[in-house]
Amino acid sequence: MTAGKGIMHSEFNREDEETTLFQI
């Protein structure tokens, strides 16, 4: 995601299990 001059977003785990991730 290029936030640039501004962005609004959401991030959801819509799965039936835990999600693991790296956010960089």
PDBML (XML) file of the C-alpha atoms, coordinates in Angstrom:
<?xml version="1.0" encoding="UTF-8" ?>
<PDBx:datablock datablockName="MODEL"
   xmlns:PDBx="http://pdbml.pdb.org/schema/pdbx-v50.xsd"
   xmlns:xsi="http://www.w3.org/2001/XMLSchema-instance"
   xsi:schemaLocation="http://pdbml.pdb.org/schema/pdbx-v50.xsd pdbx-v50.xsd">
   <PDBx:atom_siteCategory>
      <PDBx:atom_site id="1">
         <PDBx:B_iso_or_equiv>0.00</PDBx:B_iso_or_equiv>
         <PDBx:Cartn_x>0.000</PDBx:Cartn_x>
         <PDBx:Cartn_y>0.000</PDBx:Cartn_y>
         <PDBx:Cartn_z>0.000</PDBx:Cartn_z>
         <PDBx:auth_asym_id>A</PDBx:auth_asym_id>
         <PDBx:auth_atom_id>CA</PDBx:auth_atom_id>
         <PDBx:auth_comp_id>MET</PDBx:auth_comp_id>
         <PDBx:auth_seq_id>1</PDBx:auth_seq_id>
         <PDBx:group_PDB>ATOM</PDBx:group_PDB>
         <PDBx:label_alt_id xsi:nil="true" />
         <PDBx:label_asym_id>A</PDBx:label_asym_id>
         <PDBx:label_atom_id>CA</PDBx:label_atom_id>
         <PDBx:label_comp_id>MET</PDBx:label_comp_id>
         <PDBx:label_entity_id>1</PDBx:label_entity_id>
         <PDBx:label_seq_id>1</PDBx:label_seq_id>
         <PDBx:occupancy>1.00</PDBx:occupancy>
         <PDBx:pdbx_PDB_model_num>1</PDBx:pdbx_PDB_model_num>
         <PDBx:type_symbol>C</PDBx:type_symbol>
      </PDBx:atom_site>
      <PDBx:atom_site id="2">
         <PDBx:B_iso_or_equiv>0.00</PDBx:B_iso_or_equiv>
         <PDBx:Cartn_x>1.375</PDBx:Cartn_x>
         <PDBx:Cartn_y>3.380</PDBx:Cartn_y>
         <PDBx:Cartn_z>-1.042</PDBx:Cartn_z>
         <PDBx:auth_asym_id>A</PDBx:auth_asym_id>
         <PDBx:auth_atom_id>CA</PDBx:auth_atom_id>
         <PDBx:auth_comp_id>THR</PDBx:auth_comp_id>
         <PDBx:auth_seq_id>2</PDBx:auth_seq_id>
         <PDBx:group_PDB>ATOM</PDBx:group_PDB>
         <PDBx:label_alt_id xsi:nil="true" />
         <PDBx:label_asym_id>A</PDBx:label_asym_id>
         <PDBx:label_atom_id>CA</PDBx:label_atom_id>
         <PDBx:label_comp_id>THR</PDBx:label_comp_id>
         <PDBx:label_entity_id>1</PDBx:label_entity_id>
         <PDBx:label_seq_id>2</PDBx:label_seq_id>
         <PDBx:occupancy>1.00</PDBx:occupancy>
         <PDBx:pdbx_PDB_model_num>1</PDBx:pdbx_PDB_model_num>
         <PDBx:type_symbol>C</PDBx:type_symbol>
      </PDBx:atom_site>
      <PDBx:atom_site id="3">
         <PDBx:B_iso_or_equiv>0.00</PDBx:B_iso_or_equiv>
         <PDBx:Cartn_x>-0.120</PDBx:Cartn_x>
         <PDBx:Cartn_y>5.732</PDBx:Cartn_y>
         <PDBx:Cartn_z>1.523</PDBx:Cartn_z>
         <PDBx:auth_asym_id>A</PDBx:auth_asym_id>
         <PDBx:auth_atom_id>CA</PDBx:auth_atom_id>
         <PDBx:auth_comp_id>ALA</PDBx:auth_comp_id>
         <PDBx:auth_seq_id>3</PDBx:auth_seq_id>
         <PDBx:group_PDB>ATOM</PDBx:group_PDB>
         <PDBx:label_alt_id xsi:nil="true" />
         <PDBx:label_asym_id>A</PDBx:label_asym_id>
         <PDBx:label_atom_id>CA</PDBx:label_atom_id>
         <PDBx:label_comp_id>ALA</PDBx:label_comp_id>
         <PDBx:label_entity_id>1</PDBx:label_entity_id>
         <PDBx:label_seq_id>3</PDBx:label_seq_id>
         <PDBx:occupancy>1.00</PDBx:occupancy>
         <PDBx:pdbx_PDB_model_num>1</PDBx:pdbx_PDB_model_num>
         <PDBx:type_symbol>C</PDBx:type_symbol>
      </PDBx:atom_site>
      <PDBx:atom_site id="4">
         <PDBx:B_iso_or_equiv>0.00</PDBx:B_iso_or_equiv>
         <PDBx:Cartn_x>1.143</PDBx:Cartn_x>
         <PDBx:Cartn_y>8.796</PDBx:Cartn_y>
         <PDBx:Cartn_z>-0.343</PDBx:Cartn_z>
         <PDBx:auth_asym_id>A</PDBx:auth_asym_id>
         <PDBx:auth_atom_id>CA</PDBx:auth_atom_id>
         <PDBx:auth_comp_id>GLY</PDBx:auth_comp_id>
         <PDBx:auth_seq_id>4</PDBx:auth_seq_id>
         <PDBx:group_PDB>ATOM</PDBx:group_PDB>
         <PDBx:label_alt_id xsi:nil="true" />
         <PDBx:label_asym_id>A</PDBx:label_asym_id>
         <PDBx:label_atom_id>CA</PDBx:label_atom_id>
         <PDBx:label_comp_id>GLY</PDBx:label_comp_id>
         <PDBx:label_entity_id>1</PDBx:label_entity_id>
         <PDBx:label_seq_id>4</PDBx:label_seq_id>
         <PDBx:occupancy>1.00</PDBx:occupancy>
         <PDBx:pdbx_PDB_model_num>1</PDBx:pdbx_PDB_model_num>
         <PDBx:type_symbol>C</PDBx:type_symbol>
      </PDBx:atom_site>
      <PDBx:atom_site id="5">
         <PDBx:B_iso_or_equiv>0.00</PDBx:B_iso_or_equiv>
         <PDBx:Cartn_x>-0.847</PDBx:Cartn_x>
         <PDBx:Cartn_y>11.961</PDBx:Cartn_y>
         <PDBx:Cartn_z>0.326</PDBx:Cartn_z>
         <PDBx:auth_asym_id>A</PDBx:auth_asym_id>
         <PDBx:auth_atom_id>CA</PDBx:auth_atom_id>
         <PDBx:auth_comp_id>LYS</PDBx:auth_comp_id>
         <PDBx:auth_seq_id>5</PDBx:auth_seq_id>
         <PDBx:group_PDB>ATOM</PDBx:group_PDB>
         <PDBx:label_alt_id xsi:nil="true" />
         <PDBx:label_asym_id>A</PDBx:label_asym_id>
         <PDBx:label_atom_id>CA</PDBx:label_atom_id>
         <PDBx:label_comp_id>LYS</PDBx:label_comp_id>
         <PDBx:label_entity_id>1</PDBx:label_entity_id>
         <PDBx:label_seq_id>5</PDBx:label_seq_id>
         <PDBx:occupancy>1.00</PDBx:occupancy>
         <PDBx:pdbx_PDB_model_num>1</PDBx:pdbx_PDB_model_num>
         <PDBx:type_symbol>C</PDBx:type_symbol>
      </PDBx:atom_site>
      <PDBx:atom_site id="6">
         <PDBx:B_iso_or_equiv>0.00</PDBx:B_iso_or_equiv>
         <PDBx:Cartn_x>-3.334</PDBx:Cartn_x>
         <PDBx:Cartn_y>9.976</PDBx:Cartn_y>
         <PDBx:Cartn_z>2.396</PDBx:Cartn_z>
         <PDBx:auth_asym_id>A</PDBx:auth_asym_id>
         <PDBx:auth_atom_id>CA</PDBx:auth_atom_id>
         <PDBx:auth_comp_id>GLY</PDBx:auth_comp_id>
         <PDBx:auth_seq_id>6</PDBx:auth_seq_id>
         <PDBx:group_PDB>ATOM</PDBx:group_PDB>
         <PDBx:label_alt_id xsi:nil="true" />
         <PDBx:label_asym_id>A</PDBx:label_asym_id>
         <PDBx:label_atom_id>CA</PDBx:label_atom_id>
         <PDBx:label_comp_id>GLY</PDBx:label_comp_id>
         <PDBx:label_entity_id>1</PDBx:label_entity_id>
         <PDBx:label_seq_id>6</PDBx:label_seq_id>
         <PDBx:occupancy>1.00</PDBx:occupancy>
         <PDBx:pdbx_PDB_model_num>1</PDBx:pdbx_PDB_model_num>
         <PDBx:type_symbol>C</PDBx:type_symbol>
      </PDBx:atom_site>
      <PDBx:atom_site id="7">
         <PDBx:B_iso_or_equiv>0.00</PDBx:B_iso_or_equiv>
         <PDBx:Cartn_x>-5.306</PDBx:Cartn_x>
         <PDBx:Cartn_y>6.746</PDBx:Cartn_y>
         <PDBx:Cartn_z>2.447</PDBx:Cartn_z>
         <PDBx:auth_asym_id>A</PDBx:auth_asym_id>
         <PDBx:auth_atom_id>CA</PDBx:auth_atom_id>
         <PDBx:auth_comp_id>ILE</PDBx:auth_comp_id>
         <PDBx:auth_seq_id>7</PDBx:auth_seq_id>
         <PDBx:group_PDB>ATOM</PDBx:group_PDB>
         <PDBx:label_alt_id xsi:nil="true" />
         <PDBx:label_asym_id>A</PDBx:label_asym_id>
         <PDBx:label_atom_id>CA</PDBx:label_atom_id>
         <PDBx:label_comp_id>ILE</PDBx:label_comp_id>
         <PDBx:label_entity_id>1</PDBx:label_entity_id>
         <PDBx:label_seq_id>7</PDBx:label_seq_id>
         <PDBx:occupancy>1.00</PDBx:occupancy>
         <PDBx:pdbx_PDB_model_num>1</PDBx:pdbx_PDB_model_num>
         <PDBx:type_symbol>C</PDBx:type_symbol>
      </PDBx:atom_site>
      <PDBx:atom_site id="8">
         <PDBx:B_iso_or_equiv>0.00</PDBx:B_iso_or_equiv>
         <PDBx:Cartn_x>-7.972</PDBx:Cartn_x>
         <PDBx:Cartn_y>5.292</PDBx:Cartn_y>
         <PDBx:Cartn_z>4.740</PDBx:Cartn_z>
         <PDBx:auth_asym_id>A</PDBx:auth_asym_id>
         <PDBx:auth_atom_id>CA</PDBx:auth_atom_id>
         <PDBx:auth_comp_id>MET</PDBx:auth_comp_id>
         <PDBx:auth_seq_id>8</PDBx:auth_seq_id>
         <PDBx:group_PDB>ATOM</PDBx:group_PDB>
         <PDBx:label_alt_id xsi:nil="true" />
         <PDBx:label_asym_id>A</PDBx:label_asym_id>
         <PDBx:label_atom_id>CA</PDBx:label_atom_id>
         <PDBx:label_comp_id>MET</PDBx:label_comp_id>
         <PDBx:label_entity_id>1</PDBx:label_entity_id>
         <PDBx:label_seq_id>8</PDBx:label_seq_id>
         <PDBx:occupancy>1.00</PDBx:occupancy>
         <PDBx:pdbx_PDB_model_num>1</PDBx:pdbx_PDB_model_num>
         <PDBx:type_symbol>C</PDBx:type_symbol>
      </PDBx:atom_site>
      <PDBx:atom_site id="9">
         <PDBx:B_iso_or_equiv>0.00</PDBx:B_iso_or_equiv>
         <PDBx:Cartn_x>-8.135</PDBx:Cartn_x>
         <PDBx:Cartn_y>1.504</PDBx:Cartn_y>
         <PDBx:Cartn_z>5.011</PDBx:Cartn_z>
         <PDBx:auth_asym_id>A</PDBx:auth_asym_id>
         <PDBx:auth_atom_id>CA</PDBx:auth_atom_id>
         <PDBx:auth_comp_id>HIS</PDBx:auth_comp_id>
         <PDBx:auth_seq_id>9</PDBx:auth_seq_id>
         <PDBx:group_PDB>ATOM</PDBx:group_PDB>
         <PDBx:label_alt_id xsi:nil="true" />
         <PDBx:label_asym_id>A</PDBx:label_asym_id>
         <PDBx:label_atom_id>CA</PDBx:label_atom_id>
         <PDBx:label_comp_id>HIS</PDBx:label_comp_id>
         <PDBx:label_entity_id>1</PDBx:label_entity_id>
         <PDBx:label_seq_id>9</PDBx:label_seq_id>
         <PDBx:occupancy>1.00</PDBx:occupancy>
         <PDBx:pdbx_PDB_model_num>1</PDBx:pdbx_PDB_model_num>
         <PDBx:type_symbol>C</PDBx:type_symbol>
      </PDBx:atom_site>
      <PDBx:atom_site id="10">
         <PDBx:B_iso_or_equiv>0.00</PDBx:B_iso_or_equiv>
         <PDBx:Cartn_x>-9.106</PDBx:Cartn_x>
         <PDBx:Cartn_y>-1.450</PDBx:Cartn_y>
         <PDBx:Cartn_z>7.167</PDBx:Cartn_z>
         <PDBx:auth_asym_id>A</PDBx:auth_asym_id>
         <PDBx:auth_atom_id>CA</PDBx:auth_atom_id>
         <PDBx:auth_comp_id>SER</PDBx:auth_comp_id>
         <PDBx:auth_seq_id>10</PDBx:auth_seq_id>
         <PDBx:group_PDB>ATOM</PDBx:group_PDB>
         <PDBx:label_alt_id xsi:nil="true" />
         <PDBx:label_asym_id>A</PDBx:label_asym_id>
         <PDBx:label_atom_id>CA</PDBx:label_atom_id>
         <PDBx:label_comp_id>SER</PDBx:label_comp_id>
         <PDBx:label_entity_id>1</PDBx:label_entity_id>
         <PDBx:label_seq_id>10</PDBx:label_seq_id>
         <PDBx:occupancy>1.00</PDBx:occupancy>
         <PDBx:pdbx_PDB_model_num>1</PDBx:pdbx_PDB_model_num>
         <PDBx:type_symbol>C</PDBx:type_symbol>
      </PDBx:atom_site>
      <PDBx:atom_site id="11">
         <PDBx:B_iso_or_equiv>0.00</PDBx:B_iso_or_equiv>
         <PDBx:Cartn_x>-7.503</PDBx:Cartn_x>
         <PDBx:Cartn_y>-4.889</PDBx:Cartn_y>
         <PDBx:Cartn_z>7.475</PDBx:Cartn_z>
         <PDBx:auth_asym_id>A</PDBx:auth_asym_id>
         <PDBx:auth_atom_id>CA</PDBx:auth_atom_id>
         <PDBx:auth_comp_id>GLU</PDBx:auth_comp_id>
         <PDBx:auth_seq_id>11</PDBx:auth_seq_id>
         <PDBx:group_PDB>ATOM</PDBx:group_PDB>
         <PDBx:label_alt_id xsi:nil="true" />
         <PDBx:label_asym_id>A</PDBx:label_asym_id>
         <PDBx:label_atom_id>CA</PDBx:label_atom_id>
         <PDBx:label_comp_id>GLU</PDBx:label_comp_id>
         <PDBx:label_entity_id>1</PDBx:label_entity_id>
         <PDBx:label_seq_id>11</PDBx:label_seq_id>
         <PDBx:occupancy>1.00</PDBx:occupancy>
         <PDBx:pdbx_PDB_model_num>1</PDBx:pdbx_PDB_model_num>
         <PDBx:type_symbol>C</PDBx:type_symbol>
      </PDBx:atom_site>
      <PDBx:atom_site id="12">
         <PDBx:B_iso_or_equiv>0.00</PDBx:B_iso_or_equiv>
         <PDBx:Cartn_x>-9.462</PDBx:Cartn_x>
         <PDBx:Cartn_y>-7.849</PDBx:Cartn_y>
         <PDBx:Cartn_z>8.825</PDBx:Cartn_z>
         <PDBx:auth_asym_id>A</PDBx:auth_asym_id>
         <PDBx:auth_atom_id>CA</PDBx:auth_atom_id>
         <PDBx:auth_comp_id>PHE</PDBx:auth_comp_id>
         <PDBx:auth_seq_id>12</PDBx:auth_seq_id>
         <PDBx:group_PDB>ATOM</PDBx:group_PDB>
         <PDBx:label_alt_id xsi:nil="true" />
         <PDBx:label_asym_id>A</PDBx:label_asym_id>
         <PDBx:label_atom_id>CA</PDBx:label_atom_id>
         <PDBx:label_comp_id>PHE</PDBx:label_comp_id>
         <PDBx:label_entity_id>1</PDBx:label_entity_id>
         <PDBx:label_seq_id>12</PDBx:label_seq_id>
         <PDBx:occupancy>1.00</PDBx:occupancy>
         <PDBx:pdbx_PDB_model_num>1</PDBx:pdbx_PDB_model_num>
         <PDBx:type_symbol>C</PDBx:type_symbol>
      </PDBx:atom_site>
      <PDBx:atom_site id="13">
         <PDBx:B_iso_or_equiv>0.00</PDBx:B_iso_or_equiv>
         <PDBx:Cartn_x>-8.868</PDBx:Cartn_x>
         <PDBx:Cartn_y>-11.526</PDBx:Cartn_y>
         <PDBx:Cartn_z>9.384</PDBx:Cartn_z>
         <PDBx:auth_asym_id>A</PDBx:auth_asym_id>
         <PDBx:auth_atom_id>CA</PDBx:auth_atom_id>
         <PDBx:auth_comp_id>ASN</PDBx:auth_comp_id>
         <PDBx:auth_seq_id>13</PDBx:auth_seq_id>
         <PDBx:group_PDB>ATOM</PDBx:group_PDB>
         <PDBx:label_alt_id xsi:nil="true" />
         <PDBx:label_asym_id>A</PDBx:label_asym_id>
         <PDBx:label_atom_id>CA</PDBx:label_atom_id>
         <PDBx:label_comp_id>ASN</PDBx:label_comp_id>
         <PDBx:label_entity_id>1</PDBx:label_entity_id>
         <PDBx:label_seq_id>13</PDBx:label_seq_id>
         <PDBx:occupancy>1.00</PDBx:occupancy>
         <PDBx:pdbx_PDB_model_num>1</PDBx:pdbx_PDB_model_num>
         <PDBx:type_symbol>C</PDBx:type_symbol>
      </PDBx:atom_site>
      <PDBx:atom_site id="14">
         <PDBx:B_iso_or_equiv>0.00</PDBx:B_iso_or_equiv>
         <PDBx:Cartn_x>-12.121</PDBx:Cartn_x>
         <PDBx:Cartn_y>-12.899</PDBx:Cartn_y>
         <PDBx:Cartn_z>7.998</PDBx:Cartn_z>
         <PDBx:auth_asym_id>A</PDBx:auth_asym_id>
         <PDBx:auth_atom_id>CA</PDBx:auth_atom_id>
         <PDBx:auth_comp_id>ARG</PDBx:auth_comp_id>
         <PDBx:auth_seq_id>14</PDBx:auth_seq_id>
         <PDBx:group_PDB>ATOM</PDBx:group_PDB>
         <PDBx:label_alt_id xsi:nil="true" />
         <PDBx:label_asym_id>A</PDBx:label_asym_id>
         <PDBx:label_atom_id>CA</PDBx:label_atom_id>
         <PDBx:label_comp_id>ARG</PDBx:label_comp_id>
         <PDBx:label_entity_id>1</PDBx:label_entity_id>
         <PDBx:label_seq_id>14</PDBx:label_seq_id>
         <PDBx:occupancy>1.00</PDBx:occupancy>
         <PDBx:pdbx_PDB_model_num>1</PDBx:pdbx_PDB_model_num>
         <PDBx:type_symbol>C</PDBx:type_symbol>
      </PDBx:atom_site>
      <PDBx:atom_site id="15">
         <PDBx:B_iso_or_equiv>0.00</PDBx:B_iso_or_equiv>
         <PDBx:Cartn_x>-10.883</PDBx:Cartn_x>
         <PDBx:Cartn_y>-16.487</PDBx:Cartn_y>
         <PDBx:Cartn_z>8.285</PDBx:Cartn_z>
         <PDBx:auth_asym_id>A</PDBx:auth_asym_id>
         <PDBx:auth_atom_id>CA</PDBx:auth_atom_id>
         <PDBx:auth_comp_id>GLU</PDBx:auth_comp_id>
         <PDBx:auth_seq_id>15</PDBx:auth_seq_id>
         <PDBx:group_PDB>ATOM</PDBx:group_PDB>
         <PDBx:label_alt_id xsi:nil="true" />
         <PDBx:label_asym_id>A</PDBx:label_asym_id>
         <PDBx:label_atom_id>CA</PDBx:label_atom_id>
         <PDBx:label_comp_id>GLU</PDBx:label_comp_id>
         <PDBx:label_entity_id>1</PDBx:label_entity_id>
         <PDBx:label_seq_id>15</PDBx:label_seq_id>
         <PDBx:occupancy>1.00</PDBx:occupancy>
         <PDBx:pdbx_PDB_model_num>1</PDBx:pdbx_PDB_model_num>
         <PDBx:type_symbol>C</PDBx:type_symbol>
      </PDBx:atom_site>
      <PDBx:atom_site id="16">
         <PDBx:B_iso_or_equiv>0.00</PDBx:B_iso_or_equiv>
         <PDBx:Cartn_x>-11.874</PDBx:Cartn_x>
         <PDBx:Cartn_y>-19.187</PDBx:Cartn_y>
         <PDBx:Cartn_z>10.787</PDBx:Cartn_z>
         <PDBx:auth_asym_id>A</PDBx:auth_asym_id>
         <PDBx:auth_atom_id>CA</PDBx:auth_atom_id>
         <PDBx:auth_comp_id>ASP</PDBx:auth_comp_id>
         <PDBx:auth_seq_id>16</PDBx:auth_seq_id>
         <PDBx:group_PDB>ATOM</PDBx:group_PDB>
         <PDBx:label_alt_id xsi:nil="true" />
         <PDBx:label_asym_id>A</PDBx:label_asym_id>
         <PDBx:label_atom_id>CA</PDBx:label_atom_id>
         <PDBx:label_comp_id>ASP</PDBx:label_comp_id>
         <PDBx:label_entity_id>1</PDBx:label_entity_id>
         <PDBx:label_seq_id>16</PDBx:label_seq_id>
         <PDBx:occupancy>1.00</PDBx:occupancy>
         <PDBx:pdbx_PDB_model_num>1</PDBx:pdbx_PDB_model_num>
         <PDBx:type_symbol>C</PDBx:type_symbol>
      </PDBx:atom_site>
      <PDBx:atom_site id="17">
         <PDBx:B_iso_or_equiv>0.00</PDBx:B_iso_or_equiv>
         <PDBx:Cartn_x>-8.292</PDBx:Cartn_x>
         <PDBx:Cartn_y>-19.381</PDBx:Cartn_y>
         <PDBx:Cartn_z>12.046</PDBx:Cartn_z>
         <PDBx:auth_asym_id>A</PDBx:auth_asym_id>
         <PDBx:auth_atom_id>CA</PDBx:auth_atom_id>
         <PDBx:auth_comp_id>GLU</PDBx:auth_comp_id>
         <PDBx:auth_seq_id>17</PDBx:auth_seq_id>
         <PDBx:group_PDB>ATOM</PDBx:group_PDB>
         <PDBx:label_alt_id xsi:nil="true" />
         <PDBx:label_asym_id>A</PDBx:label_asym_id>
         <PDBx:label_atom_id>CA</PDBx:label_atom_id>
         <PDBx:label_comp_id>GLU</PDBx:label_comp_id>
         <PDBx:label_entity_id>1</PDBx:label_entity_id>
         <PDBx:label_seq_id>17</PDBx:label_seq_id>
         <PDBx:occupancy>1.00</PDBx:occupancy>
         <PDBx:pdbx_PDB_model_num>1</PDBx:pdbx_PDB_model_num>
         <PDBx:type_symbol>C</PDBx:type_symbol>
      </PDBx:atom_site>
      <PDBx:atom_site id="18">
         <PDBx:B_iso_or_equiv>0.00</PDBx:B_iso_or_equiv>
         <PDBx:Cartn_x>-5.604</PDBx:Cartn_x>
         <PDBx:Cartn_y>-17.092</PDBx:Cartn_y>
         <PDBx:Cartn_z>13.367</PDBx:Cartn_z>
         <PDBx:auth_asym_id>A</PDBx:auth_asym_id>
         <PDBx:auth_atom_id>CA</PDBx:auth_atom_id>
         <PDBx:auth_comp_id>GLU</PDBx:auth_comp_id>
         <PDBx:auth_seq_id>18</PDBx:auth_seq_id>
         <PDBx:group_PDB>ATOM</PDBx:group_PDB>
         <PDBx:label_alt_id xsi:nil="true" />
         <PDBx:label_asym_id>A</PDBx:label_asym_id>
         <PDBx:label_atom_id>CA</PDBx:label_atom_id>
         <PDBx:label_comp_id>GLU</PDBx:label_comp_id>
         <PDBx:label_entity_id>1</PDBx:label_entity_id>
         <PDBx:label_seq_id>18</PDBx:label_seq_id>
         <PDBx:occupancy>1.00</PDBx:occupancy>
         <PDBx:pdbx_PDB_model_num>1</PDBx:pdbx_PDB_model_num>
         <PDBx:type_symbol>C</PDBx:type_symbol>
      </PDBx:atom_site>
      <PDBx:atom_site id="19">
         <PDBx:B_iso_or_equiv>0.00</PDBx:B_iso_or_equiv>
         <PDBx:Cartn_x>-3.660</PDBx:Cartn_x>
         <PDBx:Cartn_y>-15.069</PDBx:Cartn_y>
         <PDBx:Cartn_z>10.786</PDBx:Cartn_z>
         <PDBx:auth_asym_id>A</PDBx:auth_asym_id>
         <PDBx:auth_atom_id>CA</PDBx:auth_atom_id>
         <PDBx:auth_comp_id>THR</PDBx:auth_comp_id>
         <PDBx:auth_seq_id>19</PDBx:auth_seq_id>
         <PDBx:group_PDB>ATOM</PDBx:group_PDB>
         <PDBx:label_alt_id xsi:nil="true" />
         <PDBx:label_asym_id>A</PDBx:label_asym_id>
         <PDBx:label_atom_id>CA</PDBx:label_atom_id>
         <PDBx:label_comp_id>THR</PDBx:label_comp_id>
         <PDBx:label_entity_id>1</PDBx:label_entity_id>
         <PDBx:label_seq_id>19</PDBx:label_seq_id>
         <PDBx:occupancy>1.00</PDBx:occupancy>
         <PDBx:pdbx_PDB_model_num>1</PDBx:pdbx_PDB_model_num>
         <PDBx:type_symbol>C</PDBx:type_symbol>
      </PDBx:atom_site>
      <PDBx:atom_site id="20">
         <PDBx:B_iso_or_equiv>0.00</PDBx:B_iso_or_equiv>
         <PDBx:Cartn_x>0.031</PDBx:Cartn_x>
         <PDBx:Cartn_y>-14.299</PDBx:Cartn_y>
         <PDBx:Cartn_z>11.234</PDBx:Cartn_z>
         <PDBx:auth_asym_id>A</PDBx:auth_asym_id>
         <PDBx:auth_atom_id>CA</PDBx:auth_atom_id>
         <PDBx:auth_comp_id>THR</PDBx:auth_comp_id>
         <PDBx:auth_seq_id>20</PDBx:auth_seq_id>
         <PDBx:group_PDB>ATOM</PDBx:group_PDB>
         <PDBx:label_alt_id xsi:nil="true" />
         <PDBx:label_asym_id>A</PDBx:label_asym_id>
         <PDBx:label_atom_id>CA</PDBx:label_atom_id>
         <PDBx:label_comp_id>THR</PDBx:label_comp_id>
         <PDBx:label_entity_id>1</PDBx:label_entity_id>
         <PDBx:label_seq_id>20</PDBx:label_seq_id>
         <PDBx:occupancy>1.00</PDBx:occupancy>
         <PDBx:pdbx_PDB_model_num>1</PDBx:pdbx_PDB_model_num>
         <PDBx:type_symbol>C</PDBx:type_symbol>
      </PDBx:atom_site>
      <PDBx:atom_site id="21">
         <PDBx:B_iso_or_equiv>0.00</PDBx:B_iso_or_equiv>
         <PDBx:Cartn_x>1.862</PDBx:Cartn_x>
         <PDBx:Cartn_y>-11.691</PDBx:Cartn_y>
         <PDBx:Cartn_z>9.201</PDBx:Cartn_z>
         <PDBx:auth_asym_id>A</PDBx:auth_asym_id>
         <PDBx:auth_atom_id>CA</PDBx:auth_atom_id>
         <PDBx:auth_comp_id>LEU</PDBx:auth_comp_id>
         <PDBx:auth_seq_id>21</PDBx:auth_seq_id>
         <PDBx:group_PDB>ATOM</PDBx:group_PDB>
         <PDBx:label_alt_id xsi:nil="true" />
         <PDBx:label_asym_id>A</PDBx:label_asym_id>
         <PDBx:label_atom_id>CA</PDBx:label_atom_id>
         <PDBx:label_comp_id>LEU</PDBx:label_comp_id>
         <PDBx:label_entity_id>1</PDBx:label_entity_id>
         <PDBx:label_seq_id>21</PDBx:label_seq_id>
         <PDBx:occupancy>1.00</PDBx:occupancy>
         <PDBx:pdbx_PDB_model_num>1</PDBx:pdbx_PDB_model_num>
         <PDBx:type_symbol>C</PDBx:type_symbol>
      </PDBx:atom_site>
      <PDBx:atom_site id="22">
         <PDBx:B_iso_or_equiv>0.00</PDBx:B_iso_or_equiv>
         <PDBx:Cartn_x>4.726</PDBx:Cartn_x>
         <PDBx:Cartn_y>-9.244</PDBx:Cartn_y>
         <PDBx:Cartn_z>9.013</PDBx:Cartn_z>
         <PDBx:auth_asym_id>A</PDBx:auth_asym_id>
         <PDBx:auth_atom_id>CA</PDBx:auth_atom_id>
         <PDBx:auth_comp_id>PHE</PDBx:auth_comp_id>
         <PDBx:auth_seq_id>22</PDBx:auth_seq_id>
         <PDBx:group_PDB>ATOM</PDBx:group_PDB>
         <PDBx:label_alt_id xsi:nil="true" />
         <PDBx:label_asym_id>A</PDBx:label_asym_id>
         <PDBx:label_atom_id>CA</PDBx:label_atom_id>
         <PDBx:label_comp_id>PHE</PDBx:label_comp_id>
         <PDBx:label_entity_id>1</PDBx:label_entity_id>
         <PDBx:label_seq_id>22</PDBx:label_seq_id>
         <PDBx:occupancy>1.00</PDBx:occupancy>
         <PDBx:pdbx_PDB_model_num>1</PDBx:pdbx_PDB_model_num>
         <PDBx:type_symbol>C</PDBx:type_symbol>
      </PDBx:atom_site>
      <PDBx:atom_site id="23">
         <PDBx:B_iso_or_equiv>0.00</PDBx:B_iso_or_equiv>
         <PDBx:Cartn_x>3.855</PDBx:Cartn_x>
         <PDBx:Cartn_y>-5.608</PDBx:Cartn_y>
         <PDBx:Cartn_z>8.401</PDBx:Cartn_z>
         <PDBx:auth_asym_id>A</PDBx:auth_asym_id>
         <PDBx:auth_atom_id>CA</PDBx:auth_atom_id>
         <PDBx:auth_comp_id>GLN</PDBx:auth_comp_id>
         <PDBx:auth_seq_id>23</PDBx:auth_seq_id>
         <PDBx:group_PDB>ATOM</PDBx:group_PDB>
         <PDBx:label_alt_id xsi:nil="true" />
         <PDBx:label_asym_id>A</PDBx:label_asym_id>
         <PDBx:label_atom_id>CA</PDBx:label_atom_id>
         <PDBx:label_comp_id>GLN</PDBx:label_comp_id>
         <PDBx:label_entity_id>1</PDBx:label_entity_id>
         <PDBx:label_seq_id>23</PDBx:label_seq_id>
         <PDBx:occupancy>1.00</PDBx:occupancy>
         <PDBx:pdbx_PDB_model_num>1</PDBx:pdbx_PDB_model_num>
         <PDBx:type_symbol>C</PDBx:type_symbol>
      </PDBx:atom_site>
      <PDBx:atom_site id="24">
         <PDBx:B_iso_or_equiv>0.00</PDBx:B_iso_or_equiv>
         <PDBx:Cartn_x>6.818</PDBx:Cartn_x>
         <PDBx:Cartn_y>-3.612</PDBx:Cartn_y>
         <PDBx:Cartn_z>7.100</PDBx:Cartn_z>
         <PDBx:auth_asym_id>A</PDBx:auth_asym_id>
         <PDBx:auth_atom_id>CA</PDBx:auth_atom_id>
         <PDBx:auth_comp_id>ILE</PDBx:auth_comp_id>
         <PDBx:auth_seq_id>24</PDBx:auth_seq_id>
         <PDBx:group_PDB>ATOM</PDBx:group_PDB>
         <PDBx:label_alt_id xsi:nil="true" />
         <PDBx:label_asym_id>A</PDBx:label_asym_id>
         <PDBx:label_atom_id>CA</PDBx:label_atom_id>
         <PDBx:label_comp_id>ILE</PDBx:label_comp_id>
         <PDBx:label_entity_id>1</PDBx:label_entity_id>
         <PDBx:label_seq_id>24</PDBx:label_seq_id>
         <PDBx:occupancy>1.00</PDBx:occupancy>
         <PDBx:pdbx_PDB_model_num>1</PDBx:pdbx_PDB_model_num>
         <PDBx:type_symbol>C</PDBx:type_symbol>
      </PDBx:atom_site>
   </PDBx:atom_siteCategory>
</PDBx:datablock>
